[in-house]
């Protein structure tokens, strides 16, 4: 994911993408533990994408990013 693409996303889209990438990173880690991960560079790419999203959110002076992520997670679990 390129930084210019991230900068053009709306704040809500950034939060949704952040939640998606964190879940993806969790899945990749589970695959790595069970030795089913074919491309280990995916872990690095996912972590960097998460860092890019967090950077843009901090630049926009978003507060309570972690709290909002927990809220989105609980909403998704209720569905």
N, C-alpha and C. Protein backbone atom coordinates (compact mmCIF):
# COMPACT_ATOMS: atom_id res chain seq x y z
N UNK A 1 0.86 -1.16 0.00
CA UNK A 1 0.00 0.00 0.00
C UNK A 1 0.91 1.23 0.00
N UNK A 2 0.67 2.12 -0.91
CA UNK A 2 1.51 3.31 -1.03
C UNK A 2 0.96 4.41 -0.12
N UNK A 3 1.88 5.26 0.30
CA UNK A 3 1.52 6.32 1.24
C UNK A 3 0.53 7.32 0.64
N UNK A 4 0.66 7.61 -0.64
CA UNK A 4 -0.27 8.57 -1.24
C UNK A 4 -1.69 8.02 -1.31
N UNK A 5 -1.82 6.71 -1.45
CA UNK A 5 -3.15 6.08 -1.42
C UNK A 5 -3.74 6.20 -0.01
N UNK A 6 -2.90 5.98 0.99
CA UNK A 6 -3.35 6.06 2.37
C UNK A 6 -3.78 7.48 2.72
N UNK A 7 -3.03 8.45 2.26
CA UNK A 7 -3.34 9.86 2.58
C UNK A 7 -4.68 10.31 1.97
N UNK A 8 -5.10 9.69 0.88
CA UNK A 8 -6.36 10.08 0.25
C UNK A 8 -7.58 9.37 0.84
N UNK A 9 -7.35 8.43 1.73
CA UNK A 9 -8.47 7.71 2.35
C UNK A 9 -9.12 8.58 3.43
N UNK A 10 -10.40 8.38 3.62
CA UNK A 10 -11.11 9.06 4.70
C UNK A 10 -10.74 8.42 6.02
N UNK A 11 -10.98 9.13 7.11
CA UNK A 11 -10.60 8.65 8.43
C UNK A 11 -11.30 7.34 8.77
N UNK A 12 -12.59 7.24 8.46
CA UNK A 12 -13.32 6.00 8.73
C UNK A 12 -12.74 4.83 7.92
N UNK A 13 -12.37 5.11 6.68
CA UNK A 13 -11.76 4.07 5.85
C UNK A 13 -10.43 3.63 6.44
N UNK A 14 -9.67 4.58 6.99
CA UNK A 14 -8.39 4.24 7.61
C UNK A 14 -8.59 3.32 8.81
N UNK A 15 -9.58 3.63 9.63
CA UNK A 15 -9.85 2.79 10.80
C UNK A 15 -10.29 1.39 10.39
N UNK A 16 -11.13 1.31 9.36
CA UNK A 16 -11.58 0.00 8.89
C UNK A 16 -10.42 -0.80 8.30
N UNK A 17 -9.58 -0.13 7.53
CA UNK A 17 -8.43 -0.81 6.94
C UNK A 17 -7.44 -1.25 8.01
N UNK A 18 -7.28 -0.44 9.05
CA UNK A 18 -6.40 -0.79 10.16
C UNK A 18 -6.90 -2.05 10.86
N UNK A 19 -8.19 -2.12 11.09
CA UNK A 19 -8.76 -3.32 11.72
C UNK A 19 -8.56 -4.54 10.83
N UNK A 20 -8.76 -4.37 9.53
CA UNK A 20 -8.57 -5.47 8.59
C UNK A 20 -7.12 -5.94 8.58
N UNK A 21 -6.18 -5.02 8.55
CA UNK A 21 -4.76 -5.39 8.51
C UNK A 21 -4.30 -6.05 9.80
N UNK A 22 -4.83 -5.60 10.92
CA UNK A 22 -4.46 -6.23 12.19
C UNK A 22 -4.96 -7.67 12.23
N UNK A 23 -6.14 -7.90 11.73
CA UNK A 23 -6.68 -9.26 11.67
C UNK A 23 -5.84 -10.11 10.71
N UNK A 24 -5.46 -9.52 9.60
CA UNK A 24 -4.63 -10.22 8.62
C UNK A 24 -3.27 -10.58 9.22
N UNK A 25 -2.68 -9.65 9.97
CA UNK A 25 -1.40 -9.92 10.63
C UNK A 25 -1.54 -11.05 11.64
N UNK A 26 -2.64 -11.06 12.37
CA UNK A 26 -2.90 -12.15 13.31
C UNK A 26 -2.95 -13.50 12.58
N UNK A 27 -3.65 -13.52 11.46
CA UNK A 27 -3.75 -14.75 10.68
C UNK A 27 -2.39 -15.18 10.14
N UNK A 28 -1.60 -14.22 9.70
CA UNK A 28 -0.26 -14.54 9.20
C UNK A 28 0.62 -15.12 10.30
N UNK A 29 0.52 -14.55 11.49
CA UNK A 29 1.30 -15.08 12.60
C UNK A 29 0.88 -16.50 12.95
N UNK A 30 -0.41 -16.76 12.89
CA UNK A 30 -0.90 -18.12 13.16
C UNK A 30 -0.37 -19.09 12.11
N UNK A 31 -0.32 -18.65 10.86
CA UNK A 31 0.22 -19.50 9.80
C UNK A 31 1.71 -19.74 10.01
N UNK A 32 2.42 -18.73 10.48
CA UNK A 32 3.85 -18.87 10.71
C UNK A 32 4.13 -19.88 11.82
N UNK A 33 3.31 -19.87 12.85
CA UNK A 33 3.49 -20.80 13.96
C UNK A 33 3.23 -22.24 13.51
N UNK A 34 2.23 -22.42 12.69
CA UNK A 34 1.89 -23.77 12.23
C UNK A 34 2.68 -24.17 10.98
N UNK A 35 3.64 -23.33 10.60
CA UNK A 35 4.53 -23.58 9.47
C UNK A 35 3.79 -23.72 8.15
N UNK A 36 2.69 -23.00 7.99
CA UNK A 36 1.95 -23.01 6.73
C UNK A 36 2.13 -21.72 5.94
N UNK A 37 2.95 -20.80 6.47
CA UNK A 37 3.19 -19.53 5.80
C UNK A 37 4.25 -19.74 4.72
N UNK A 38 3.88 -19.50 3.47
CA UNK A 38 4.80 -19.72 2.36
C UNK A 38 5.74 -18.54 2.15
N UNK A 39 5.23 -17.32 2.31
CA UNK A 39 6.02 -16.12 2.05
C UNK A 39 6.16 -15.33 3.36
N UNK A 40 7.31 -15.43 3.98
CA UNK A 40 7.49 -14.78 5.28
C UNK A 40 7.57 -13.27 5.18
N UNK A 41 7.75 -12.73 3.99
CA UNK A 41 7.81 -11.28 3.84
C UNK A 41 6.43 -10.64 4.02
N UNK A 42 5.39 -11.44 3.96
CA UNK A 42 4.04 -10.91 4.17
C UNK A 42 3.89 -10.32 5.57
N UNK A 43 4.57 -10.91 6.55
CA UNK A 43 4.52 -10.37 7.91
C UNK A 43 5.08 -8.95 7.95
N UNK A 44 6.22 -8.75 7.32
CA UNK A 44 6.86 -7.45 7.28
C UNK A 44 5.99 -6.43 6.54
N UNK A 45 5.42 -6.85 5.43
CA UNK A 45 4.57 -5.96 4.64
C UNK A 45 3.34 -5.53 5.43
N UNK A 46 2.73 -6.45 6.14
CA UNK A 46 1.54 -6.14 6.93
C UNK A 46 1.88 -5.17 8.05
N UNK A 47 3.01 -5.40 8.73
CA UNK A 47 3.41 -4.51 9.81
C UNK A 47 3.70 -3.11 9.29
N UNK A 48 4.31 -3.01 8.13
CA UNK A 48 4.61 -1.70 7.55
C UNK A 48 3.34 -0.97 7.12
N UNK A 49 2.39 -1.71 6.57
CA UNK A 49 1.12 -1.10 6.19
C UNK A 49 0.38 -0.56 7.42
N UNK A 50 0.41 -1.32 8.50
CA UNK A 50 -0.20 -0.87 9.75
C UNK A 50 0.49 0.41 10.23
N UNK A 51 1.80 0.45 10.15
CA UNK A 51 2.54 1.64 10.57
C UNK A 51 2.19 2.84 9.71
N UNK A 52 2.00 2.62 8.41
CA UNK A 52 1.61 3.73 7.52
C UNK A 52 0.25 4.30 7.92
N UNK A 53 -0.69 3.41 8.18
CA UNK A 53 -2.02 3.86 8.57
C UNK A 53 -1.97 4.63 9.89
N UNK A 54 -1.23 4.11 10.86
CA UNK A 54 -1.12 4.79 12.14
C UNK A 54 -0.44 6.15 11.99
N UNK A 55 0.53 6.25 11.11
CA UNK A 55 1.22 7.52 10.87
C UNK A 55 0.24 8.57 10.36
N UNK A 56 -0.57 8.21 9.39
CA UNK A 56 -1.53 9.15 8.83
C UNK A 56 -2.58 9.53 9.87
N UNK A 57 -3.03 8.58 10.66
CA UNK A 57 -4.01 8.89 11.71
C UNK A 57 -3.42 9.86 12.74
N UNK A 58 -2.15 9.66 13.09
CA UNK A 58 -1.51 10.58 14.04
C UNK A 58 -1.31 11.95 13.41
N UNK A 59 -1.00 12.00 12.12
CA UNK A 59 -0.86 13.29 11.43
C UNK A 59 -2.18 14.05 11.42
N UNK A 60 -3.28 13.33 11.39
CA UNK A 60 -4.60 13.96 11.40
C UNK A 60 -5.07 14.26 12.83
N UNK A 61 -4.19 14.06 13.78
CA UNK A 61 -4.46 14.32 15.19
C UNK A 61 -5.64 13.52 15.71
N UNK A 62 -5.75 12.30 15.24
CA UNK A 62 -6.77 11.39 15.75
C UNK A 62 -6.38 10.96 17.16
N UNK A 63 -7.33 10.99 18.03
CA UNK A 63 -7.08 10.54 19.39
C UNK A 63 -7.88 9.27 19.64
N UNK A 64 -7.45 8.52 20.62
CA UNK A 64 -8.14 7.28 21.02
C UNK A 64 -8.27 6.29 19.87
N UNK A 65 -7.18 6.10 19.14
CA UNK A 65 -7.19 5.18 18.00
C UNK A 65 -7.46 3.76 18.48
N UNK A 66 -6.79 3.35 19.54
CA UNK A 66 -6.96 1.99 20.06
C UNK A 66 -8.38 1.78 20.58
N UNK A 67 -8.93 2.79 21.23
CA UNK A 67 -10.29 2.67 21.76
C UNK A 67 -11.29 2.52 20.61
N UNK A 68 -11.08 3.26 19.54
CA UNK A 68 -11.98 3.18 18.40
C UNK A 68 -11.86 1.80 17.72
N UNK A 69 -10.65 1.27 17.70
CA UNK A 69 -10.46 -0.06 17.12
C UNK A 69 -11.21 -1.12 17.92
N UNK A 70 -11.15 -1.02 19.24
CA UNK A 70 -11.89 -1.97 20.07
C UNK A 70 -13.38 -1.85 19.84
N UNK A 71 -13.85 -0.63 19.66
CA UNK A 71 -15.28 -0.39 19.41
C UNK A 71 -15.68 -1.04 18.08
N UNK A 72 -14.86 -0.85 17.04
CA UNK A 72 -15.17 -1.46 15.74
C UNK A 72 -15.15 -2.98 15.82
N UNK A 73 -14.25 -3.52 16.61
CA UNK A 73 -14.16 -4.97 16.77
C UNK A 73 -15.40 -5.53 17.45
N UNK A 74 -15.85 -4.84 18.49
CA UNK A 74 -17.04 -5.33 19.19
C UNK A 74 -18.29 -5.20 18.32
N UNK A 75 -18.35 -4.14 17.50
CA UNK A 75 -19.48 -3.99 16.59
C UNK A 75 -19.48 -5.12 15.57
N UNK A 76 -18.32 -5.47 15.05
CA UNK A 76 -18.25 -6.54 14.06
C UNK A 76 -18.62 -7.89 14.69
N UNK A 77 -18.27 -8.08 15.95
CA UNK A 77 -18.59 -9.33 16.63
C UNK A 77 -20.09 -9.49 16.87
N UNK A 78 -20.76 -8.39 17.03
CA UNK A 78 -22.21 -8.43 17.28
C UNK A 78 -23.00 -8.79 16.05
N UNK A 79 -22.43 -8.57 14.86
CA UNK A 79 -23.14 -8.82 13.61
C UNK A 79 -23.19 -10.24 13.28
